[in-house]
């Protein structure tokens, strides 16, 4: 998938935000209309996250639908299109991690769910090498505990597929600050994943 294909498609942000506010106020049909506005973006976000291991039992469409169903009872009040996409990305992350944990328990640690590393490894952006989702989640949680803003910026670029400009607006910081945070986050995550003993044991096996 090319960078152009991964880029979010333009959407009438004011119209989307209006629909989301209407849903928050009790208009049940407004959420479906809002999802329709960004459905292709949500599918791109899901496709970017699914690797060979997850793809065997999860399709991007199924992941989007699961995230939508999880979001329905919340009736959150979203401030913007970016806020909505970021929240949906958190829902997708939680679904994938729960799925990976269930499969790991079922297989007693085997049959790991894998995801693409391409958006994390900036030095090798076209790398197709997958990584263990649970190892990535553990590393992300460690990063979020160490530096919450860096952790959130990494989540938003990796799981959310947001641009640096969108992340800067959402976090209330400058684009150069986001760039610095992402450089640190990528280096920290790649080291944490490479040092993961479970990954080394599985690779050796």
C-alpha atoms as a PDB file:
ATOM      1  CA  UNK A   1       0.000   0.000   0.000  1.00  0.00           C
ATOM      2  CA  UNK A   2       1.459   3.351  -1.029  1.00  0.00           C
ATOM      3  CA  UNK A   3       1.729   6.416   1.174  1.00  0.00           C
ATOM      4  CA  UNK A   4      -0.978   8.110  -0.896  1.00  0.00           C
ATOM      5  CA  UNK A   5      -3.325   5.195  -0.365  1.00  0.00           C
ATOM      6  CA  UNK A   6      -2.696   5.299   3.397  1.00  0.00           C
ATOM      7  CA  UNK A   7      -3.340   9.038   3.691  1.00  0.00           C
ATOM      8  CA  UNK A   8      -6.716   9.964   5.185  1.00  0.00           C
ATOM      9  CA  UNK A   9      -9.236  11.140   2.623  1.00  0.00           C
ATOM     10  CA  UNK A  10     -10.576  14.668   2.977  1.00  0.00           C
ATOM     11  CA  UNK A  11     -13.876  14.866   4.837  1.00  0.00           C
ATOM     12  CA  UNK A  12     -16.214  17.742   5.649  1.00  0.00           C
ATOM     13  CA  UNK A  13     -15.024  18.082   9.242  1.00  0.00           C
ATOM     14  CA  UNK A  14     -17.786  20.488  10.304  1.00  0.00           C
ATOM     15  CA  UNK A  15     -20.473  18.169   8.957  1.00  0.00           C
ATOM     16  CA  UNK A  16     -18.886  15.168  10.671  1.00  0.00           C
ATOM     17  CA  UNK A  17     -18.578  16.995  13.988  1.00  0.00           C
ATOM     18  CA  UNK A  18     -22.212  18.114  13.719  1.00  0.00           C
ATOM     19  CA  UNK A  19     -23.298  14.507  13.222  1.00  0.00           C
ATOM     20  CA  UNK A  20     -21.219  13.348  16.177  1.00  0.00           C
ATOM     21  CA  UNK A  21     -22.700  16.044  18.402  1.00  0.00           C
ATOM     22  CA  UNK A  22     -26.190  15.008  17.267  1.00  0.00           C
ATOM     23  CA  UNK A  23     -25.408  11.400  18.183  1.00  0.00           C
ATOM     24  CA  UNK A  24     -24.196  12.508  21.605  1.00  0.00           C
ATOM     25  CA  UNK A  25     -27.508  14.352  22.068  1.00  0.00           C
ATOM     26  CA  UNK A  26     -29.508  11.198  21.316  1.00  0.00           C
ATOM     27  CA  UNK A  27     -29.890  10.988  17.519  1.00  0.00           C
ATOM     28  CA  UNK A  28     -29.197   7.263  17.003  1.00  0.00           C
ATOM     29  CA  UNK A  29     -28.965   7.559  13.221  1.00  0.00           C
ATOM     30  CA  UNK A  30     -26.339  10.298  13.325  1.00  0.00           C
ATOM     31  CA  UNK A  31     -23.557   7.896  14.354  1.00  0.00           C
ATOM     32  CA  UNK A  32     -24.112   5.670  11.319  1.00  0.00           C
ATOM     33  CA  UNK A  33     -24.028   8.737   9.093  1.00  0.00           C
ATOM     34  CA  UNK A  34     -20.799   9.902  10.767  1.00  0.00           C
ATOM     35  CA  UNK A  35     -19.148   6.507  10.305  1.00  0.00           C
ATOM     36  CA  UNK A  36     -20.127   6.571   6.634  1.00  0.00           C
ATOM     37  CA  UNK A  37     -18.240   9.874   6.240  1.00  0.00           C
ATOM     38  CA  UNK A  38     -14.939   8.327   7.350  1.00  0.00           C
ATOM     39  CA  UNK A  39     -15.528   4.642   6.624  1.00  0.00           C
ATOM     40  CA  UNK A  40     -12.699   4.363   4.085  1.00  0.00           C
ATOM     41  CA  UNK A  41     -10.307   6.055   6.525  1.00  0.00           C
ATOM     42  CA  UNK A  42     -11.309   3.592   9.246  1.00  0.00           C
ATOM     43  CA  UNK A  43     -10.718   0.655   6.899  1.00  0.00           C
ATOM     44  CA  UNK A  44      -7.267   2.029   6.004  1.00  0.00           C
ATOM     45  CA  UNK A  45      -6.440   2.348   9.692  1.00  0.00           C
ATOM     46  CA  UNK A  46      -7.523  -1.258  10.249  1.00  0.00           C
ATOM     47  CA  UNK A  47      -5.649  -2.573   7.199  1.00  0.00           C
ATOM     48  CA  UNK A  48      -2.431  -0.853   8.298  1.00  0.00           C
ATOM     49  CA  UNK A  49      -2.584  -2.651  11.625  1.00  0.00           C
ATOM     50  CA  UNK A  50      -3.401  -6.166  10.473  1.00  0.00           C
ATOM     51  CA  UNK A  51      -0.524  -8.506   9.669  1.00  0.00           C
ATOM     52  CA  UNK A  52      -0.360 -12.088   8.524  1.00  0.00           C
ATOM     53  CA  UNK A  53      -1.209 -13.603  11.895  1.00  0.00           C
ATOM     54  CA  UNK A  54      -4.255 -11.444  12.553  1.00  0.00           C
ATOM     55  CA  UNK A  55      -5.440 -11.483   8.942  1.00  0.00           C
ATOM     56  CA  UNK A  56      -6.169 -15.208   9.144  1.00  0.00           C
ATOM     57  CA  UNK A  57      -9.162 -14.526  11.420  1.00  0.00           C
ATOM     58  CA  UNK A  58      -9.680 -10.759  11.175  1.00  0.00           C
ATOM     59  CA  UNK A  59     -10.351  -8.605   8.106  1.00  0.00           C
ATOM     60  CA  UNK A  60     -10.137  -4.783   8.091  1.00  0.00           C
ATOM     61  CA  UNK A  61     -13.907  -4.634   7.646  1.00  0.00           C
ATOM     62  CA  UNK A  62     -14.483  -6.891  10.654  1.00  0.00           C
ATOM     63  CA  UNK A  63     -12.118  -4.832  12.794  1.00  0.00           C
ATOM     64  CA  UNK A  64     -13.904  -1.608  11.859  1.00  0.00           C
ATOM     65  CA  UNK A  65     -17.287  -3.141  12.613  1.00  0.00           C
ATOM     66  CA  UNK A  66     -16.085  -4.402  16.017  1.00  0.00           C
ATOM     67  CA  UNK A  67     -14.758  -0.935  16.869  1.00  0.00           C
ATOM     68  CA  UNK A  68     -18.021   0.703  15.803  1.00  0.00           C
ATOM     69  CA  UNK A  69     -20.052  -1.722  17.932  1.00  0.00           C
ATOM     70  CA  UNK A  70     -17.802  -1.043  20.934  1.00  0.00           C
ATOM     71  CA  UNK A  71     -18.260   2.698  20.476  1.00  0.00           C
ATOM     72  CA  UNK A  72     -22.065   2.682  20.184  1.00  0.00           C
ATOM     73  CA  UNK A  73     -22.963   2.496  23.908  1.00  0.00           C
ATOM     74  CA  UNK A  74     -20.559   5.289  24.890  1.00  0.00           C
ATOM     75  CA  UNK A  75     -22.237   8.253  23.157  1.00  0.00           C
ATOM     76  CA  UNK A  76     -19.052  10.269  23.554  1.00  0.00           C
ATOM     77  CA  UNK A  77     -18.954  13.957  22.683  1.00  0.00           C
ATOM     78  CA  UNK A  78     -16.252  14.264  20.037  1.00  0.00           C
ATOM     79  CA  UNK A  79     -14.627  17.654  19.527  1.00  0.00           C
ATOM     80  CA  UNK A  80     -13.431  17.040  15.970  1.00  0.00           C
ATOM     81  CA  UNK A  81     -12.838  14.543  13.193  1.00  0.00           C
ATOM     82  CA  UNK A  82      -9.315  13.967  14.517  1.00  0.00           C
ATOM     83  CA  UNK A  83     -10.651  13.267  18.020  1.00  0.00           C
ATOM     84  CA  UNK A  84     -13.097  10.723  16.567  1.00  0.00           C
ATOM     85  CA  UNK A  85     -10.440   8.912  14.506  1.00  0.00           C
ATOM     86  CA  UNK A  86      -8.054   8.859  17.459  1.00  0.00           C
ATOM     87  CA  UNK A  87     -10.729   7.336  19.689  1.00  0.00           C
ATOM     88  CA  UNK A  88     -11.620   4.734  17.061  1.00  0.00           C
ATOM     89  CA  UNK A  89      -7.946   3.837  16.797  1.00  0.00           C
ATOM     90  CA  UNK A  90      -7.856   3.211  20.559  1.00  0.00           C
ATOM     91  CA  UNK A  91     -10.870   0.926  20.187  1.00  0.00           C
ATOM     92  CA  UNK A  92      -9.147  -1.005  17.387  1.00  0.00           C
ATOM     93  CA  UNK A  93      -6.003  -1.340  19.463  1.00  0.00           C
ATOM     94  CA  UNK A  94      -7.961  -2.742  22.402  1.00  0.00           C
ATOM     95  CA  UNK A  95      -9.814  -5.212  20.162  1.00  0.00           C
ATOM     96  CA  UNK A  96      -6.612  -6.468  18.539  1.00  0.00           C
ATOM     97  CA  UNK A  97      -4.851  -6.861  21.881  1.00  0.00           C
ATOM     98  CA  UNK A  98      -7.803  -8.757  23.388  1.00  0.00           C
ATOM     99  CA  UNK A  99      -7.882 -10.951  20.280  1.00  0.00           C
ATOM    100  CA  UNK A 100      -4.147 -11.617  20.514  1.00  0.00           C
ATOM    101  CA  UNK A 101      -4.364 -12.502  24.207  1.00  0.00           C
ATOM    102  CA  UNK A 102      -7.254 -14.888  23.587  1.00  0.00           C
ATOM    103  CA  UNK A 103      -5.395 -16.659  20.779  1.00  0.00           C
ATOM    104  CA  UNK A 104      -2.204 -16.835  22.820  1.00  0.00           C
ATOM    105  CA  UNK A 105      -4.075 -18.398  25.733  1.00  0.00           C
ATOM    106  CA  UNK A 106      -5.883 -20.826  23.438  1.00  0.00           C
ATOM    107  CA  UNK A 107      -2.620 -21.911  21.809  1.00  0.00           C
ATOM    108  CA  UNK A 108      -0.692 -21.734  25.110  1.00  0.00           C
ATOM    109  CA  UNK A 109       1.638 -19.044  23.875  1.00  0.00           C
ATOM    110  CA  UNK A 110       1.817 -20.145  20.254  1.00  0.00           C
ATOM    111  CA  UNK A 111       0.263 -18.824  17.039  1.00  0.00           C
ATOM    112  CA  UNK A 112       1.151 -15.228  17.812  1.00  0.00           C
ATOM    113  CA  UNK A 113      -0.873 -12.415  16.278  1.00  0.00           C
ATOM    114  CA  UNK A 114       1.463 -10.277  14.209  1.00  0.00           C
ATOM    115  CA  UNK A 115       1.181  -6.752  12.853  1.00  0.00           C
ATOM    116  CA  UNK A 116       3.167  -4.611  10.452  1.00  0.00           C
ATOM    117  CA  UNK A 117       6.139  -2.674  11.811  1.00  0.00           C
ATOM    118  CA  UNK A 118       6.460  -0.306   8.841  1.00  0.00           C
ATOM    119  CA  UNK A 119       5.046   2.840  10.529  1.00  0.00           C
ATOM    120  CA  UNK A 120       7.275   2.317  13.567  1.00  0.00           C
ATOM    121  CA  UNK A 121      10.553   1.572  11.807  1.00  0.00           C
ATOM    122  CA  UNK A 122      11.141   4.900  10.043  1.00  0.00           C
ATOM    123  CA  UNK A 123      14.605   3.783   8.918  1.00  0.00           C
ATOM    124  CA  UNK A 124      13.003   0.941   6.930  1.00  0.00           C
ATOM    125  CA  UNK A 125       9.565   2.306   5.980  1.00  0.00           C
ATOM    126  CA  UNK A 126       8.919  -0.394   3.391  1.00  0.00           C
ATOM    127  CA  UNK A 127       9.786  -3.254   5.697  1.00  0.00           C
ATOM    128  CA  UNK A 128       7.123  -5.956   5.678  1.00  0.00           C
ATOM    129  CA  UNK A 129       8.561  -7.770   8.687  1.00  0.00           C
ATOM    130  CA  UNK A 130       5.739  -8.374  11.190  1.00  0.00           C
ATOM    131  CA  UNK A 131       6.097  -8.177  14.946  1.00  0.00           C
ATOM    132  CA  UNK A 132       4.196  -9.794  17.785  1.00  0.00           C
ATOM    133  CA  UNK A 133       1.234  -7.609  18.727  1.00  0.00           C
ATOM    134  CA  UNK A 134       1.452  -8.451  22.430  1.00  0.00           C
ATOM    135  CA  UNK A 135       5.155  -7.531  22.468  1.00  0.00           C
ATOM    136  CA  UNK A 136       4.276  -4.232  20.783  1.00  0.00           C
ATOM    137  CA  UNK A 137       1.466  -3.589  23.275  1.00  0.00           C
ATOM    138  CA  UNK A 138       3.768  -4.262  26.230  1.00  0.00           C
ATOM    139  CA  UNK A 139       6.374  -1.921  24.765  1.00  0.00           C
ATOM    140  CA  UNK A 140       3.761   0.785  24.134  1.00  0.00           C
ATOM    141  CA  UNK A 141       2.500   0.521  27.689  1.00  0.00           C
ATOM    142  CA  UNK A 142       6.063   0.910  28.953  1.00  0.00           C
ATOM    143  CA  UNK A 143       6.555   3.975  26.771  1.00  0.00           C
ATOM    144  CA  UNK A 144       3.238   5.475  27.914  1.00  0.00           C
ATOM    145  CA  UNK A 145       4.256   4.991  31.551  1.00  0.00           C
ATOM    146  CA  UNK A 146       7.653   6.591  30.902  1.00  0.00           C
ATOM    147  CA  UNK A 147       6.376   9.505  28.791  1.00  0.00           C
ATOM    148  CA  UNK A 148       2.591   9.699  28.312  1.00  0.00           C
ATOM    149  CA  UNK A 149       2.764  12.296  25.519  1.00  0.00           C
ATOM    150  CA  UNK A 150       5.330  10.326  23.517  1.00  0.00           C
ATOM    151  CA  UNK A 151       3.268   7.198  24.018  1.00  0.00           C
ATOM    152  CA  UNK A 152       0.121   8.884  22.797  1.00  0.00           C
ATOM    153  CA  UNK A 153       1.893  10.392  19.789  1.00  0.00           C
ATOM    154  CA  UNK A 154       3.214   6.950  18.845  1.00  0.00           C
ATOM    155  CA  UNK A 155      -0.200   5.375  19.242  1.00  0.00           C
ATOM    156  CA  UNK A 156      -1.814   8.069  17.090  1.00  0.00           C
ATOM    157  CA  UNK A 157       0.700   7.662  14.282  1.00  0.00           C
ATOM    158  CA  UNK A 158       0.871   3.860  14.415  1.00  0.00           C
ATOM    159  CA  UNK A 159      -2.649   2.740  15.314  1.00  0.00           C
ATOM    160  CA  UNK A 160      -4.451   5.919  14.275  1.00  0.00           C
ATOM    161  CA  UNK A 161      -2.562   6.718  11.085  1.00  0.00           C
ATOM    162  CA  UNK A 162      -2.850  10.438  11.863  1.00  0.00           C
ATOM    163  CA  UNK A 163      -0.527  13.000  10.343  1.00  0.00           C
ATOM    164  CA  UNK A 164       1.943  14.928  12.477  1.00  0.00           C
ATOM    165  CA  UNK A 165      -0.155  18.064  11.994  1.00  0.00           C
ATOM    166  CA  UNK A 166      -3.295  16.261  13.231  1.00  0.00           C
ATOM    167  CA  UNK A 167      -1.427  14.849  16.224  1.00  0.00           C
ATOM    168  CA  UNK A 168      -0.045  18.307  17.084  1.00  0.00           C
ATOM    169  CA  UNK A 169      -3.556  19.804  17.077  1.00  0.00           C
ATOM    170  CA  UNK A 170      -4.951  16.964  19.165  1.00  0.00           C
ATOM    171  CA  UNK A 171      -2.161  17.125  21.760  1.00  0.00           C
ATOM    172  CA  UNK A 172      -1.936  20.913  21.789  1.00  0.00           C
ATOM    173  CA  UNK A 173       1.767  21.040  20.866  1.00  0.00           C
ATOM    174  CA  UNK A 174       3.820  22.138  17.874  1.00  0.00           C
ATOM    175  CA  UNK A 175       4.659  19.916  14.901  1.00  0.00           C
ATOM    176  CA  UNK A 176       8.417  20.019  15.741  1.00  0.00           C
ATOM    177  CA  UNK A 177       7.540  18.760  19.238  1.00  0.00           C
ATOM    178  CA  UNK A 178       5.568  15.880  17.702  1.00  0.00           C
ATOM    179  CA  UNK A 179       8.516  15.043  15.446  1.00  0.00           C
ATOM    180  CA  UNK A 180      10.880  14.955  18.433  1.00  0.00           C
ATOM    181  CA  UNK A 181       8.446  12.829  20.430  1.00  0.00           C
ATOM    182  CA  UNK A 182       8.083  10.360  17.561  1.00  0.00           C
ATOM    183  CA  UNK A 183      11.842  10.065  17.050  1.00  0.00           C
ATOM    184  CA  UNK A 184      12.269   9.197  20.723  1.00  0.00           C
ATOM    185  CA  UNK A 185       9.230   6.892  20.733  1.00  0.00           C
ATOM    186  CA  UNK A 186      10.376   4.933  17.667  1.00  0.00           C
ATOM    187  CA  UNK A 187      13.877   4.432  19.042  1.00  0.00           C
ATOM    188  CA  UNK A 188      12.525   3.399  22.447  1.00  0.00           C
ATOM    189  CA  UNK A 189       9.955   0.978  21.029  1.00  0.00           C
ATOM    190  CA  UNK A 190      12.314  -0.692  18.576  1.00  0.00           C
ATOM    191  CA  UNK A 191      14.857  -1.274  21.348  1.00  0.00           C
ATOM    192  CA  UNK A 192      12.187  -2.575  23.724  1.00  0.00           C
ATOM    193  CA  UNK A 193      10.843  -4.982  21.097  1.00  0.00           C
ATOM    194  CA  UNK A 194      14.308  -6.178  20.050  1.00  0.00           C
ATOM    195  CA  UNK A 195      15.181  -6.817  23.714  1.00  0.00           C
ATOM    196  CA  UNK A 196      11.975  -8.795  24.360  1.00  0.00           C
ATOM    197  CA  UNK A 197      13.058 -12.291  25.518  1.00  0.00           C
ATOM    198  CA  UNK A 198       9.756 -13.885  24.426  1.00  0.00           C
ATOM    199  CA  UNK A 199      10.308 -12.660  20.879  1.00  0.00           C
ATOM    200  CA  UNK A 200      13.874 -13.962  20.828  1.00  0.00           C
ATOM    201  CA  UNK A 201      12.738 -17.378  22.052  1.00  0.00           C
ATOM    202  CA  UNK A 202       9.969 -17.554  19.448  1.00  0.00           C
ATOM    203  CA  UNK A 203      12.315 -16.505  16.653  1.00  0.00           C
ATOM    204  CA  UNK A 204      14.828 -19.129  17.727  1.00  0.00           C
ATOM    205  CA  UNK A 205      12.104 -21.762  17.719  1.00  0.00           C
END
